[in-house]
Structures are given as structure tokens and as C-alpha cells.
């Protein structure tokens, strides 16, 4: 089966399973979404949503965040992975946003902010500004490989491969659908590919054998 044929079938399955795609990170503005996405690196969305209420009560605008000491920010996010580094980045990013006059949907600008990489910028562009983007994290990268949609060795190439397989107007929902599917049916570890609704037919026999040995 061609990649394009697989992608079409997988897209139909994902649309049926997840007709709506709410953003799993709690937020009330472009800025609070950006902060939540930054915090989610190497941390579960559930943990981020447990931590952000207290953080946003103290500072839910760049101006308020820039006024906090790094130590205060770190104390508020201490349960988050990489809290010391993230606290420094949150303070620096807030200062940059204030100096620039606010957030705006500009790729170069967003990716110039402290702690904001391409994936984080992509989430903000897609889920707040509604601009077509396909954020790819390690989870989507893994599923794309399992399903035979990409042989890429890095998330950057996987993003390009997936963008080529699905229409631009589906990108913003598709990346969330894949994340939701991974959480419900396709975990990273101890996964029986033969019992998975997609892996069972989309994964190669070689891939199934390799993961069975893990």
C-alpha cells in the first residue's frame, strides 16, 4: 500500500475517532497557551494543567511575568520537569514580548523567543492563530514511523513528510488527533502492534517483529 493510501485511511479513522480536537492544555490567551506549551516539554499535559492555575494567578500576562523573580517562577513550577531552566526562559521570554509590544503570528519572531522552538511556535500558530502548521513531537514522530508514513530520523523531516501526505486544511486537527490516538491506543512502551487499530495493518512486519522484542 502506498503512503498516500495509508494516510487517507488513517485520516478517515482519526476523523471518526476524534471529530473534535480540543487543545489539551488549559489557557485563556495566546500568551498563556505559549507558556503552557513551553512547560509541557518532557512533562505531561496533566501535570502542566495542575501547575498553571497557580502560575497564572500570579502572572498571566508578559508584563506580570517579567515582574516576577526567577526564583518565584521556579517555585510556582517546581513540579514541572526542567523547572530551573524553564523559569529562566519564562522570565526572559516575557521581557522579550514586552519589549516587542506583544505576541504576533510571525514564525521568525516566535522562534526567537527564549525557550521557544519550532514545535512550540507551531502549536501557537495552529491552535491560537489558526494558521496551518503541523507540530511534530517525539510521540507523533514515533507513530509516523510505526505507521510507515515516514522513515525520517528527526522530527523536522517527519513534519515535512506528514505535511506532504495530508491537505493543509487538516494539519491543525491532525496533529492533535495523532496525539490523542497515541495516548489511547498506541503507547510508547509495551505496545502490541498487532492489537492496535492502526499499527495492526499499517506497520510493516519488520516493525512489528522489532517492537515485539523490546
Foldseek 3Di string as FASTA:
>chain_A
DDLLVLLVVVVVVLCVVPVDFDDLADDDALQRLLLLLLLCVVHPSVLSNVQVVVVVVQPRALVSLLPDDLVVQLVSSVVTPPSSQSSVQSNQQSVLQVVVVHDDLDQVSQCVRRSGHNLSSQLSCCVPVVQQAARFDPQNVVVCVLLVQDPDPDRVVVRVSVPVNDDSNCRSRVNSSSVVLCVVFNDPAPHQLCPGPRSVPRGDPVSNVVRVVD
